[in-house]
C-alpha atoms as a PDB file:
ATOM      1  CA  UNK A   1     191.599  90.271  65.087  1.00  0.00           C
ATOM      2  CA  UNK A   2     191.238  87.045  63.107  1.00  0.00           C
ATOM      3  CA  UNK A   3     193.051  84.387  64.102  1.00  0.00           C
ATOM      4  CA  UNK A   4     195.563  83.818  61.180  1.00  0.00           C
ATOM      5  CA  UNK A   5     196.882  87.367  61.085  1.00  0.00           C
ATOM      6  CA  UNK A   6     198.065  87.185  65.214  1.00  0.00           C
ATOM      7  CA  UNK A   7     200.169  83.941  63.426  1.00  0.00           C
ATOM      8  CA  UNK A   8     201.398  86.009  60.858  1.00  0.00           C
ATOM      9  CA  UNK A   9     202.457  88.613  63.413  1.00  0.00           C
ATOM     10  CA  UNK A  10     204.183  86.523  65.925  1.00  0.00           C
ATOM     11  CA  UNK A  11     206.069  84.195  63.061  1.00  0.00           C
ATOM     12  CA  UNK A  12     206.775  87.366  61.380  1.00  0.00           C
ATOM     13  CA  UNK A  13     208.118  89.912  64.061  1.00  0.00           C
ATOM     14  CA  UNK A  14     212.011  88.644  64.464  1.00  0.00           C
ATOM     15  CA  UNK A  15     212.461  88.535  61.088  1.00  0.00           C
ATOM     16  CA  UNK A  16     211.238  92.039  60.541  1.00  0.00           C
ATOM     17  CA  UNK A  17     213.410  93.070  63.381  1.00  0.00           C
ATOM     18  CA  UNK A  18     216.411  91.499  61.945  1.00  0.00           C
ATOM     19  CA  UNK A  19     215.930  93.224  58.127  1.00  0.00           C
ATOM     20  CA  UNK A  20     214.519  96.612  59.020  1.00  0.00           C
ATOM     21  CA  UNK A  21     217.089  99.113  58.698  1.00  0.00           C
ATOM     22  CA  UNK A  22     216.255 101.316  61.655  1.00  0.00           C
ATOM     23  CA  UNK A  23     217.618 104.689  60.009  1.00  0.00           C
ATOM     24  CA  UNK A  24     215.020 107.577  59.482  1.00  0.00           C
ATOM     25  CA  UNK A  25     217.574 110.252  60.329  1.00  0.00           C
ATOM     26  CA  UNK A  26     220.596 111.801  58.326  1.00  0.00           C
ATOM     27  CA  UNK A  27     223.231 109.479  58.488  1.00  0.00           C
ATOM     28  CA  UNK A  28     226.409 111.237  58.694  1.00  0.00           C
ATOM     29  CA  UNK A  29     225.680 110.584  62.776  1.00  0.00           C
ATOM     30  CA  UNK A  30     229.603 111.311  63.281  1.00  0.00           C
ATOM     31  CA  UNK A  31     228.801 115.076  62.867  1.00  0.00           C
ATOM     32  CA  UNK A  32     225.661 115.440  64.921  1.00  0.00           C
ATOM     33  CA  UNK A  33     227.065 116.557  67.970  1.00  0.00           C
ATOM     34  CA  UNK A  34     225.329 114.900  71.229  1.00  0.00           C
ATOM     35  CA  UNK A  35     228.106 115.419  73.810  1.00  0.00           C
ATOM     36  CA  UNK A  36     225.050 117.330  75.771  1.00  0.00           C
ATOM     37  CA  UNK A  37     223.443 114.092  76.735  1.00  0.00           C
ATOM     38  CA  UNK A  38     224.807 114.119  80.303  1.00  0.00           C
ATOM     39  CA  UNK A  39     223.747 116.807  82.831  1.00  0.00           C
ATOM     40  CA  UNK A  40     221.285 118.697  80.063  1.00  0.00           C
ATOM     41  CA  UNK A  41     220.134 122.052  81.410  1.00  0.00           C
ATOM     42  CA  UNK A  42     216.642 123.235  81.954  1.00  0.00           C
ATOM     43  CA  UNK A  43     214.627 123.554  79.130  1.00  0.00           C
ATOM     44  CA  UNK A  44     214.489 126.819  77.264  1.00  0.00           C
ATOM     45  CA  UNK A  45     211.352 128.676  76.842  1.00  0.00           C
ATOM     46  CA  UNK A  46     211.004 128.074  72.889  1.00  0.00           C
ATOM     47  CA  UNK A  47     209.405 130.836  71.173  1.00  0.00           C
ATOM     48  CA  UNK A  48     205.917 129.538  68.979  1.00  0.00           C
ATOM     49  CA  UNK A  49     206.058 129.543  65.409  1.00  0.00           C
ATOM     50  CA  UNK A  50     204.329 132.420  63.934  1.00  0.00           C
ATOM     51  CA  UNK A  51     203.029 130.230  61.191  1.00  0.00           C
ATOM     52  CA  UNK A  52     199.194 129.924  61.079  1.00  0.00           C
ATOM     53  CA  UNK A  53     198.022 126.459  62.335  1.00  0.00           C
ATOM     54  CA  UNK A  54     196.607 124.341  59.199  1.00  0.00           C
ATOM     55  CA  UNK A  55     193.882 122.075  60.068  1.00  0.00           C
ATOM     56  CA  UNK A  56     195.255 118.330  59.548  1.00  0.00           C
ATOM     57  CA  UNK A  57     192.762 117.095  57.107  1.00  0.00           C
ATOM     58  CA  UNK A  58     194.117 116.100  53.864  1.00  0.00           C
ATOM     59  CA  UNK A  59     194.682 119.346  51.441  1.00  0.00           C
ATOM     60  CA  UNK A  60     194.796 118.893  47.415  1.00  0.00           C
ATOM     61  CA  UNK A  61     196.554 115.166  46.660  1.00  0.00           C
ATOM     62  CA  UNK A  62     198.383 115.237  50.129  1.00  0.00           C
ATOM     63  CA  UNK A  63     198.511 112.150  51.896  1.00  0.00           C
ATOM     64  CA  UNK A  64     199.856 111.629  55.384  1.00  0.00           C
ATOM     65  CA  UNK A  65     201.173 108.913  56.944  1.00  0.00           C
ATOM     66  CA  UNK A  66     204.285 107.139  59.339  1.00  0.00           C
ATOM     67  CA  UNK A  67     207.006 104.875  58.795  1.00  0.00           C
ATOM     68  CA  UNK A  68     206.950 101.484  60.559  1.00  0.00           C
ATOM     69  CA  UNK A  69     207.457 102.227  63.691  1.00  0.00           C
ATOM     70  CA  UNK A  70     205.629 100.221  66.494  1.00  0.00           C
ATOM     71  CA  UNK A  71     206.717 100.499  70.438  1.00  0.00           C
ATOM     72  CA  UNK A  72     208.145  97.162  69.864  1.00  0.00           C
ATOM     73  CA  UNK A  73     208.404  94.370  67.412  1.00  0.00           C
ATOM     74  CA  UNK A  74     206.426  92.312  69.727  1.00  0.00           C
ATOM     75  CA  UNK A  75     202.975  90.781  68.634  1.00  0.00           C
ATOM     76  CA  UNK A  76     200.869  92.664  70.225  1.00  0.00           C
ATOM     77  CA  UNK A  77     202.891  95.769  70.124  1.00  0.00           C
ATOM     78  CA  UNK A  78     203.083  95.424  66.511  1.00  0.00           C
ATOM     79  CA  UNK A  79     199.328  94.565  65.717  1.00  0.00           C
ATOM     80  CA  UNK A  80     198.223  97.693  67.767  1.00  0.00           C
ATOM     81  CA  UNK A  81     200.636  99.912  65.831  1.00  0.00           C
ATOM     82  CA  UNK A  82     199.088  99.177  62.435  1.00  0.00           C
ATOM     83  CA  UNK A  83     195.633  99.865  64.652  1.00  0.00           C
ATOM     84  CA  UNK A  84     196.952 103.089  65.690  1.00  0.00           C
ATOM     85  CA  UNK A  85     198.732 103.890  62.176  1.00  0.00           C
ATOM     86  CA  UNK A  86     195.129 104.158  60.617  1.00  0.00           C
ATOM     87  CA  UNK A  87     194.755 107.127  62.998  1.00  0.00           C
ATOM     88  CA  UNK A  88     197.835 108.880  61.578  1.00  0.00           C
ATOM     89  CA  UNK A  89     196.935 108.766  58.000  1.00  0.00           C
ATOM     90  CA  UNK A  90     196.480 106.490  54.534  1.00  0.00           C
ATOM     91  CA  UNK A  91     199.961 105.763  54.217  1.00  0.00           C
ATOM     92  CA  UNK A  92     202.483 103.518  55.818  1.00  0.00           C
ATOM     93  CA  UNK A  93     206.436 103.158  54.653  1.00  0.00           C
ATOM     94  CA  UNK A  94     208.919 100.994  55.029  1.00  0.00           C
ATOM     95  CA  UNK A  95     212.286 101.700  54.503  1.00  0.00           C
ATOM     96  CA  UNK A  96     215.202  98.942  54.004  1.00  0.00           C
ATOM     97  CA  UNK A  97     217.138  96.365  52.623  1.00  0.00           C
ATOM     98  CA  UNK A  98     216.617  95.687  48.933  1.00  0.00           C
ATOM     99  CA  UNK A  99     216.548  91.991  49.960  1.00  0.00           C
ATOM    100  CA  UNK A 100     213.420  92.379  51.644  1.00  0.00           C
ATOM    101  CA  UNK A 101     212.054  92.834  47.726  1.00  0.00           C
ATOM    102  CA  UNK A 102     213.889  89.724  46.542  1.00  0.00           C
ATOM    103  CA  UNK A 103     212.393  87.050  49.317  1.00  0.00           C
ATOM    104  CA  UNK A 104     209.188  86.477  48.775  1.00  0.00           C
ATOM    105  CA  UNK A 105     208.727  86.177  52.590  1.00  0.00           C
ATOM    106  CA  UNK A 106     210.595  89.465  53.087  1.00  0.00           C
ATOM    107  CA  UNK A 107     209.921  92.118  54.897  1.00  0.00           C
ATOM    108  CA  UNK A 108     208.782  94.599  52.433  1.00  0.00           C
ATOM    109  CA  UNK A 109     206.507  91.719  51.292  1.00  0.00           C
ATOM    110  CA  UNK A 110     205.069  91.215  54.841  1.00  0.00           C
ATOM    111  CA  UNK A 111     204.581  94.499  55.487  1.00  0.00           C
ATOM    112  CA  UNK A 112     202.783  95.360  52.108  1.00  0.00           C
ATOM    113  CA  UNK A 113     200.145  92.655  53.268  1.00  0.00           C
ATOM    114  CA  UNK A 114     200.060  93.726  56.614  1.00  0.00           C
ATOM    115  CA  UNK A 115     199.241  97.363  55.316  1.00  0.00           C
ATOM    116  CA  UNK A 116     196.745  96.446  52.994  1.00  0.00           C
ATOM    117  CA  UNK A 117     194.896  94.273  55.895  1.00  0.00           C
ATOM    118  CA  UNK A 118     194.537  97.182  57.570  1.00  0.00           C
ATOM    119  CA  UNK A 119     193.615  99.378  54.985  1.00  0.00           C
ATOM    120  CA  UNK A 120     197.016 101.511  54.529  1.00  0.00           C
ATOM    121  CA  UNK A 121     198.511 102.138  51.606  1.00  0.00           C
ATOM    122  CA  UNK A 122     202.163 100.659  51.470  1.00  0.00           C
ATOM    123  CA  UNK A 123     205.173 102.617  50.530  1.00  0.00           C
ATOM    124  CA  UNK A 124     208.315 100.812  50.183  1.00  0.00           C
ATOM    125  CA  UNK A 125     211.770 101.951  49.887  1.00  0.00           C
ATOM    126  CA  UNK A 126     214.482  99.674  49.060  1.00  0.00           C
ATOM    127  CA  UNK A 127     217.943 100.312  49.446  1.00  0.00           C
ATOM    128  CA  UNK A 128     220.874  98.481  48.849  1.00  0.00           C
ATOM    129  CA  UNK A 129     223.987 100.876  51.091  1.00  0.00           C
ATOM    130  CA  UNK A 130     224.134 102.681  54.189  1.00  0.00           C
ATOM    131  CA  UNK A 131     224.387 106.398  53.346  1.00  0.00           C
ATOM    132  CA  UNK A 132     226.171 106.689  56.835  1.00  0.00           C
ATOM    133  CA  UNK A 133     229.047 104.956  55.633  1.00  0.00           C
ATOM    134  CA  UNK A 134     228.537 104.717  51.768  1.00  0.00           C
ATOM    135  CA  UNK A 135     229.172 100.700  52.588  1.00  0.00           C
ATOM    136  CA  UNK A 136     227.391  98.299  50.305  1.00  0.00           C
ATOM    137  CA  UNK A 137     224.926  95.715  52.045  1.00  0.00           C
ATOM    138  CA  UNK A 138     226.401  92.974  49.641  1.00  0.00           C
ATOM    139  CA  UNK A 139     228.736  93.607  46.244  1.00  0.00           C
ATOM    140  CA  UNK A 140     226.636  94.601  43.251  1.00  0.00           C
ATOM    141  CA  UNK A 141     228.058  92.091  40.968  1.00  0.00           C
ATOM    142  CA  UNK A 142     226.150  90.398  38.386  1.00  0.00           C
ATOM    143  CA  UNK A 143     224.436  88.177  40.343  1.00  0.00           C
ATOM    144  CA  UNK A 144     222.975  90.395  42.858  1.00  0.00           C
ATOM    145  CA  UNK A 145     221.883  93.192  39.966  1.00  0.00           C
ATOM    146  CA  UNK A 146     220.125  90.401  38.504  1.00  0.00           C
ATOM    147  CA  UNK A 147     218.295  89.783  41.920  1.00  0.00           C
ATOM    148  CA  UNK A 148     217.678  92.874  42.854  1.00  0.00           C
ATOM    149  CA  UNK A 149     215.930  93.714  39.402  1.00  0.00           C
ATOM    150  CA  UNK A 150     213.969  90.431  39.678  1.00  0.00           C
ATOM    151  CA  UNK A 151     212.989  90.984  42.911  1.00  0.00           C
ATOM    152  CA  UNK A 152     211.891  94.529  42.391  1.00  0.00           C
ATOM    153  CA  UNK A 153     209.968  93.738  39.267  1.00  0.00           C
ATOM    154  CA  UNK A 154     207.799  91.124  40.897  1.00  0.00           C
ATOM    155  CA  UNK A 155     206.972  93.135  43.352  1.00  0.00           C
ATOM    156  CA  UNK A 156     205.410  95.582  41.412  1.00  0.00           C
ATOM    157  CA  UNK A 157     203.997  92.774  39.544  1.00  0.00           C
ATOM    158  CA  UNK A 158     202.474  91.562  42.826  1.00  0.00           C
ATOM    159  CA  UNK A 159     200.812  94.730  44.399  1.00  0.00           C
ATOM    160  CA  UNK A 160     201.019  97.635  41.381  1.00  0.00           C
ATOM    161  CA  UNK A 161     201.779 100.291  44.340  1.00  0.00           C
ATOM    162  CA  UNK A 162     201.337 103.673  43.600  1.00  0.00           C
ATOM    163  CA  UNK A 163     204.885 104.501  44.545  1.00  0.00           C
ATOM    164  CA  UNK A 164     207.982 102.740  45.102  1.00  0.00           C
ATOM    165  CA  UNK A 165     211.358 104.322  46.268  1.00  0.00           C
ATOM    166  CA  UNK A 166     215.126 103.130  45.430  1.00  0.00           C
ATOM    167  CA  UNK A 167     217.680 104.625  47.766  1.00  0.00           C
ATOM    168  CA  UNK A 168     217.770 106.824  50.382  1.00  0.00           C
ATOM    169  CA  UNK A 169     219.503 109.750  50.873  1.00  0.00           C
ATOM    170  CA  UNK A 170     221.611 109.311  48.191  1.00  0.00           C
ATOM    171  CA  UNK A 171     223.197 112.685  48.160  1.00  0.00           C
ATOM    172  CA  UNK A 172     224.578 111.852  51.596  1.00  0.00           C
ATOM    173  CA  UNK A 173     225.857 108.588  50.170  1.00  0.00           C
ATOM    174  CA  UNK A 174     227.613 110.474  47.054  1.00  0.00           C
ATOM    175  CA  UNK A 175     229.534 112.256  49.920  1.00  0.00           C
ATOM    176  CA  UNK A 176     230.449 109.026  51.235  1.00  0.00           C
ATOM    177  CA  UNK A 177     231.071 107.037  48.017  1.00  0.00           C
ATOM    178  CA  UNK A 178     230.995 109.094  45.090  1.00  0.00           C
ATOM    179  CA  UNK A 179     231.769 106.289  42.964  1.00  0.00           C
ATOM    180  CA  UNK A 180     229.209 103.918  43.891  1.00  0.00           C
ATOM    181  CA  UNK A 181     226.649 106.878  44.085  1.00  0.00           C
ATOM    182  CA  UNK A 182     227.051 107.193  40.056  1.00  0.00           C
ATOM    183  CA  UNK A 183     226.892 103.162  40.000  1.00  0.00           C
ATOM    184  CA  UNK A 184     223.588 103.486  41.610  1.00  0.00           C
ATOM    185  CA  UNK A 185     222.403 106.301  39.045  1.00  0.00           C
ATOM    186  CA  UNK A 186     223.232 103.894  36.359  1.00  0.00           C
ATOM    187  CA  UNK A 187     221.618 101.221  38.003  1.00  0.00           C
ATOM    188  CA  UNK A 188     218.824 102.945  38.435  1.00  0.00           C
ATOM    189  CA  UNK A 189     218.552 103.893  34.725  1.00  0.00           C
ATOM    190  CA  UNK A 190     218.561 100.600  34.055  1.00  0.00           C
ATOM    191  CA  UNK A 191     215.796  99.502  36.073  1.00  0.00           C
ATOM    192  CA  UNK A 192     213.617 101.961  35.435  1.00  0.00           C
ATOM    193  CA  UNK A 193     211.770 101.067  32.212  1.00  0.00           C
ATOM    194  CA  UNK A 194     211.564  97.456  33.829  1.00  0.00           C
ATOM    195  CA  UNK A 195     209.729  98.437  36.868  1.00  0.00           C
ATOM    196  CA  UNK A 196     206.882 101.011  34.624  1.00  0.00           C
ATOM    197  CA  UNK A 197     206.844  97.455  31.987  1.00  0.00           C
ATOM    198  CA  UNK A 198     205.540  95.869  35.052  1.00  0.00           C
ATOM    199  CA  UNK A 199     203.040  98.350  36.432  1.00  0.00           C
ATOM    200  CA  UNK A 200     203.056 101.649  34.499  1.00  0.00           C
ATOM    201  CA  UNK A 201     200.789 103.620  36.911  1.00  0.00           C
ATOM    202  CA  UNK A 202     203.433 102.974  39.707  1.00  0.00           C
ATOM    203  CA  UNK A 203     205.136 106.244  40.169  1.00  0.00           C
ATOM    204  CA  UNK A 204     209.508 105.248  40.534  1.00  0.00           C
ATOM    205  CA  UNK A 205     211.166 107.350  42.798  1.00  0.00           C
ATOM    206  CA  UNK A 206     214.434 108.021  44.793  1.00  0.00           C
ATOM    207  CA  UNK A 207     215.320 109.887  48.080  1.00  0.00           C
ATOM    208  CA  UNK A 208     217.283 113.054  49.035  1.00  0.00           C
ATOM    209  CA  UNK A 209     218.272 114.386  52.486  1.00  0.00           C
ATOM    210  CA  UNK A 210     216.748 118.258  51.924  1.00  0.00           C
ATOM    211  CA  UNK A 211     219.221 120.204  54.516  1.00  0.00           C
ATOM    212  CA  UNK A 212     222.130 118.277  53.081  1.00  0.00           C
ATOM    213  CA  UNK A 213     221.112 119.200  49.462  1.00  0.00           C
ATOM    214  CA  UNK A 214     220.637 122.975  50.722  1.00  0.00           C
ATOM    215  CA  UNK A 215     224.127 122.925  52.010  1.00  0.00           C
ATOM    216  CA  UNK A 216     223.186 123.337  55.409  1.00  0.00           C
ATOM    217  CA  UNK A 217     225.816 121.815  57.515  1.00  0.00           C
ATOM    218  CA  UNK A 218     225.758 123.661  60.657  1.00  0.00           C
ATOM    219  CA  UNK A 219     223.925 123.149  63.779  1.00  0.00           C
ATOM    220  CA  UNK A 220     224.017 119.650  65.235  1.00  0.00           C
ATOM    221  CA  UNK A 221     225.665 118.491  61.891  1.00  0.00           C
ATOM    222  CA  UNK A 222     228.777 120.441  63.504  1.00  0.00           C
ATOM    223  CA  UNK A 223     229.566 122.314  60.264  1.00  0.00           C
ATOM    224  CA  UNK A 224     228.460 125.232  58.780  1.00  0.00           C
ATOM    225  CA  UNK A 225     225.669 126.294  56.525  1.00  0.00           C
ATOM    226  CA  UNK A 226     227.087 127.332  53.058  1.00  0.00           C
ATOM    227  CA  UNK A 227     224.717 127.661  50.139  1.00  0.00           C
ATOM    228  CA  UNK A 228     227.576 127.078  48.412  1.00  0.00           C
ATOM    229  CA  UNK A 229     227.792 123.614  49.283  1.00  0.00           C
ATOM    230  CA  UNK A 230     224.081 122.891  47.836  1.00  0.00           C
ATOM    231  CA  UNK A 231     223.504 119.739  45.980  1.00  0.00           C
ATOM    232  CA  UNK A 232     220.494 120.740  43.831  1.00  0.00           C
ATOM    233  CA  UNK A 233     222.538 119.580  40.650  1.00  0.00           C
ATOM    234  CA  UNK A 234     222.020 115.946  41.781  1.00  0.00           C
ATOM    235  CA  UNK A 235     218.274 116.059  40.873  1.00  0.00           C
ATOM    236  CA  UNK A 236     219.465 116.272  37.154  1.00  0.00           C
ATOM    237  CA  UNK A 237     220.748 112.492  37.879  1.00  0.00           C
ATOM    238  CA  UNK A 238     217.637 111.176  37.337  1.00  0.00           C
ATOM    239  CA  UNK A 239     215.560 112.321  34.760  1.00  0.00           C
ATOM    240  CA  UNK A 240     213.364 108.770  34.566  1.00  0.00           C
ATOM    241  CA  UNK A 241     212.012 109.382  37.792  1.00  0.00           C
ATOM    242  CA  UNK A 242     208.650 109.935  37.938  1.00  0.00           C
ATOM    243  CA  UNK A 243     209.133 111.953  41.845  1.00  0.00           C
ATOM    244  CA  UNK A 244     211.257 113.099  43.299  1.00  0.00           C
ATOM    245  CA  UNK A 245     211.152 112.371  47.826  1.00  0.00           C
ATOM    246  CA  UNK A 246     213.161 114.076  50.525  1.00  0.00           C
ATOM    247  CA  UNK A 247     214.167 113.397  54.123  1.00  0.00           C
ATOM    248  CA  UNK A 248     213.835 116.783  56.212  1.00  0.00           C
ATOM    249  CA  UNK A 249     215.258 117.097  59.976  1.00  0.00           C
ATOM    250  CA  UNK A 250     215.296 121.136  60.461  1.00  0.00           C
ATOM    251  CA  UNK A 251     215.787 120.681  64.223  1.00  0.00           C
ATOM    252  CA  UNK A 252     219.273 119.720  63.170  1.00  0.00           C
ATOM    253  CA  UNK A 253     219.921 123.353  62.139  1.00  0.00           C
ATOM    254  CA  UNK A 254     217.527 125.439  63.637  1.00  0.00           C
ATOM    255  CA  UNK A 255     216.627 125.461  67.195  1.00  0.00           C
ATOM    256  CA  UNK A 256     213.159 126.741  66.835  1.00  0.00           C
ATOM    257  CA  UNK A 257     210.170 126.032  63.941  1.00  0.00           C
ATOM    258  CA  UNK A 258     210.119 129.813  63.786  1.00  0.00           C
ATOM    259  CA  UNK A 259     213.851 130.336  62.752  1.00  0.00           C
ATOM    260  CA  UNK A 260     212.667 128.292  59.366  1.00  0.00           C
ATOM    261  CA  UNK A 261     212.376 130.560  56.071  1.00  0.00           C
ATOM    262  CA  UNK A 262     209.431 131.127  54.319  1.00  0.00           C
ATOM    263  CA  UNK A 263     210.611 129.460  51.124  1.00  0.00           C
ATOM    264  CA  UNK A 264     212.439 126.534  53.012  1.00  0.00           C
ATOM    265  CA  UNK A 265     209.967 123.693  51.495  1.00  0.00           C
ATOM    266  CA  UNK A 266     208.842 126.048  48.551  1.00  0.00           C
ATOM    267  CA  UNK A 267     212.565 126.536  47.548  1.00  0.00           C
ATOM    268  CA  UNK A 268     212.407 122.804  45.950  1.00  0.00           C
ATOM    269  CA  UNK A 269     210.051 123.907  43.342  1.00  0.00           C
ATOM    270  CA  UNK A 270     212.695 126.229  41.887  1.00  0.00           C
ATOM    271  CA  UNK A 271     214.905 123.177  41.020  1.00  0.00           C
ATOM    272  CA  UNK A 272     212.427 120.376  39.658  1.00  0.00           C
ATOM    273  CA  UNK A 273     209.165 120.133  38.205  1.00  0.00           C
ATOM    274  CA  UNK A 274     208.558 116.803  39.578  1.00  0.00           C
ATOM    275  CA  UNK A 275     206.297 115.621  42.091  1.00  0.00           C
ATOM    276  CA  UNK A 276     207.715 116.396  45.473  1.00  0.00           C
ATOM    277  CA  UNK A 277     207.158 113.586  48.105  1.00  0.00           C
ATOM    278  CA  UNK A 278     208.292 113.938  51.883  1.00  0.00           C
ATOM    279  CA  UNK A 279     208.780 110.709  53.032  1.00  0.00           C
ATOM    280  CA  UNK A 280     210.408 111.187  56.461  1.00  0.00           C
ATOM    281  CA  UNK A 281     209.958 114.328  58.475  1.00  0.00           C
ATOM    282  CA  UNK A 282     210.510 115.137  62.105  1.00  0.00           C
ATOM    283  CA  UNK A 283     211.574 117.134  65.506  1.00  0.00           C
ATOM    284  CA  UNK A 284     212.695 116.132  68.669  1.00  0.00           C
ATOM    285  CA  UNK A 285     211.132 116.665  72.272  1.00  0.00           C
ATOM    286  CA  UNK A 286     214.775 116.359  73.504  1.00  0.00           C
ATOM    287  CA  UNK A 287     217.897 116.996  72.892  1.00  0.00           C
ATOM    288  CA  UNK A 288     221.599 117.590  73.551  1.00  0.00           C
ATOM    289  CA  UNK A 289     222.615 120.711  75.766  1.00  0.00           C
ATOM    290  CA  UNK A 290     221.716 124.369  74.080  1.00  0.00           C
ATOM    291  CA  UNK A 291     219.228 122.428  71.748  1.00  0.00           C
ATOM    292  CA  UNK A 292     216.643 121.541  74.285  1.00  0.00           C
ATOM    293  CA  UNK A 293     213.144 121.211  72.952  1.00  0.00           C
ATOM    294  CA  UNK A 294     209.572 120.401  74.283  1.00  0.00           C
ATOM    295  CA  UNK A 295     206.542 118.650  73.060  1.00  0.00           C
ATOM    296  CA  UNK A 296     204.972 122.027  72.150  1.00  0.00           C
ATOM    297  CA  UNK A 297     207.717 123.136  69.817  1.00  0.00           C
ATOM    298  CA  UNK A 298     207.563 119.473  68.198  1.00  0.00           C
ATOM    299  CA  UNK A 299     203.561 120.577  67.895  1.00  0.00           C
ATOM    300  CA  UNK A 300     204.753 123.853  66.066  1.00  0.00           C
ATOM    301  CA  UNK A 301     206.724 122.440  63.788  1.00  0.00           C
ATOM    302  CA  UNK A 302     203.717 120.225  62.692  1.00  0.00           C
ATOM    303  CA  UNK A 303     201.873 122.802  61.990  1.00  0.00           C
ATOM    304  CA  UNK A 304     205.018 124.559  60.020  1.00  0.00           C
ATOM    305  CA  UNK A 305     205.598 122.072  58.057  1.00  0.00           C
ATOM    306  CA  UNK A 306     201.910 121.537  57.334  1.00  0.00           C
ATOM    307  CA  UNK A 307     201.963 125.019  55.895  1.00  0.00           C
ATOM    308  CA  UNK A 308     205.081 125.314  54.916  1.00  0.00           C
ATOM    309  CA  UNK A 309     204.942 122.506  52.290  1.00  0.00           C
ATOM    310  CA  UNK A 310     201.004 123.601  50.837  1.00  0.00           C
ATOM    311  CA  UNK A 311     202.479 125.399  47.769  1.00  0.00           C
ATOM    312  CA  UNK A 312     204.339 122.254  46.845  1.00  0.00           C
ATOM    313  CA  UNK A 313     200.909 119.638  47.111  1.00  0.00           C
ATOM    314  CA  UNK A 314     203.436 117.177  48.238  1.00  0.00           C
ATOM    315  CA  UNK A 315     200.832 113.646  47.609  1.00  0.00           C
ATOM    316  CA  UNK A 316     203.138 111.805  50.474  1.00  0.00           C
ATOM    317  CA  UNK A 317     204.012 113.517  53.706  1.00  0.00           C
ATOM    318  CA  UNK A 318     205.230 111.202  56.394  1.00  0.00           C
ATOM    319  CA  UNK A 319     206.265 111.730  59.854  1.00  0.00           C
ATOM    320  CA  UNK A 320     208.877 109.658  60.926  1.00  0.00           C
ATOM    321  CA  UNK A 321     208.195 107.862  63.546  1.00  0.00           C
ATOM    322  CA  UNK A 322     204.965 107.246  65.365  1.00  0.00           C
ATOM    323  CA  UNK A 323     206.791 105.972  68.335  1.00  0.00           C
ATOM    324  CA  UNK A 324     209.978 106.647  69.649  1.00  0.00           C
ATOM    325  CA  UNK A 325     212.346 104.694  68.428  1.00  0.00           C
ATOM    326  CA  UNK A 326     215.413 103.030  70.075  1.00  0.00           C
ATOM    327  CA  UNK A 327     218.170 105.613  68.439  1.00  0.00           C
ATOM    328  CA  UNK A 328     220.556 108.125  69.126  1.00  0.00           C
ATOM    329  CA  UNK A 329     220.097 111.536  70.534  1.00  0.00           C
ATOM    330  CA  UNK A 330     218.291 113.348  69.357  1.00  0.00           C
ATOM    331  CA  UNK A 331     216.329 111.152  67.243  1.00  0.00           C
ATOM    332  CA  UNK A 332     215.140 108.949  70.130  1.00  0.00           C
ATOM    333  CA  UNK A 333     212.167 111.718  70.989  1.00  0.00           C
ATOM    334  CA  UNK A 334     211.048 112.218  67.312  1.00  0.00           C
ATOM    335  CA  UNK A 335     207.924 110.159  67.527  1.00  0.00           C
ATOM    336  CA  UNK A 336     204.353 111.412  68.225  1.00  0.00           C
ATOM    337  CA  UNK A 337     204.314 109.014  71.019  1.00  0.00           C
ATOM    338  CA  UNK A 338     206.390 107.732  73.672  1.00  0.00           C
ATOM    339  CA  UNK A 339     205.559 103.822  74.110  1.00  0.00           C
ATOM    340  CA  UNK A 340     203.669 104.985  77.470  1.00  0.00           C
ATOM    341  CA  UNK A 341     201.250 107.517  75.544  1.00  0.00           C
ATOM    342  CA  UNK A 342     197.955 107.159  73.665  1.00  0.00           C
ATOM    343  CA  UNK A 343     197.859 110.742  72.938  1.00  0.00           C
ATOM    344  CA  UNK A 344     200.002 114.159  73.136  1.00  0.00           C
ATOM    345  CA  UNK A 345     200.025 117.710  71.357  1.00  0.00           C
ATOM    346  CA  UNK A 346     201.782 116.290  68.620  1.00  0.00           C
ATOM    347  CA  UNK A 347     199.174 113.611  68.136  1.00  0.00           C
ATOM    348  CA  UNK A 348     196.695 116.346  67.962  1.00  0.00           C
ATOM    349  CA  UNK A 349     198.347 118.443  65.898  1.00  0.00           C
ATOM    350  CA  UNK A 350     199.122 115.869  63.183  1.00  0.00           C
ATOM    351  CA  UNK A 351     195.547 114.326  63.173  1.00  0.00           C
ATOM    352  CA  UNK A 352     193.491 116.728  64.430  1.00  0.00           C
ATOM    353  CA  UNK A 353     192.235 114.467  67.147  1.00  0.00           C
END
C-alpha cells in the first residue's frame, strides 16, 4: 500500500468514526424485543430453505457489495477492510450525516476517494434525520438548506457517481415525524433538478424500509402483521426519483428463510416501474430467546435473497455488514464475518468462494 494512503487512513479514522451513523437497521428499535438476551436457550434446529441455491456471480445488471463496516476504525483494520470488500463485490455504500457532503474533508468525500482507490464503486446515502426518533441532525432553516444543496451539488459535480441517495427509511421517519417527512418530500423535489443539471447521468434515489412498507409489524418488531398498515402509497411522493431503494431485514419477522413468500421482493414491482435497489439486507446468526439462528440459516437467507430478487434485477444488492457491528442484538451478528474470521458459510454464499 502506498505510504500516502496509509497516512490518509490514519488521519481520517477518528473523523469517520465520529460522523458515521451506525444505523443499518429498522430504527424503531424500542419495538424490537431483545429481552431474551440473558440466558438464551439452546439453538433450535432450523429448516433449510426450499429455495434453490443461485450462483453468486452477477446476473443481469446486478452489482453486489457491502457497507462501510470494518473490524474497527483503527488504521490497519480500516485499510484491511477495503481489500476484503473487493472480494465481497464491486459496490461500497456509506450512509451518514448529510454534512459529510457539505464538508469537502467530510466522511462522504473521504470514503469516496478511498473506495475509488481500491476500485470499488461508492454509493453515498446522505440523511439529515434519525428515523428512529424523528429528530433532525440540525434545524432545516434557510442557511442549512442552502449548505445541504451546495454540498450535494458539488459532490455529484466532482465525482459523477452512478447513484446517490437522500433519506434513509423515510417511511419509518414519517411514522415518527409526519410534518418533517412532508418537508423532506419537498426538499427532495427541490434538489433533484439541481443534481441532474450538475451530473445528468447520476441516478438519484431515496430509501424505504421494506418490512414496514409491507405492514409487517410482528415478530421482533413487537406488533402485528397487517397488510392494512402497508405504506406503498408513499412511493408516489417521489415521482422524480430515478430509482427507489429499500432496506430489508426479514429475520425480524420470520424465524426461517423458508417462511418467506415467493413474491416477498417481487411484490415491489407491482407498485413501481422504477429501478429497485436493495441498499441494506441482513440476517442474524444469533438472536434473542425464541429467535435463535446460526451460520447455516444466515447462508440460506443469502441464497433466498438472490433467488427472490432475481425478477427485480436490482442494479444494487448490498449486504449491510462485512464484519459484525457494535450494535444491539440481533444486529450485532449480521456480519458475513466476525472480527476474527476470514471465511464463513455466509461469506461463501455471498462470494461463491
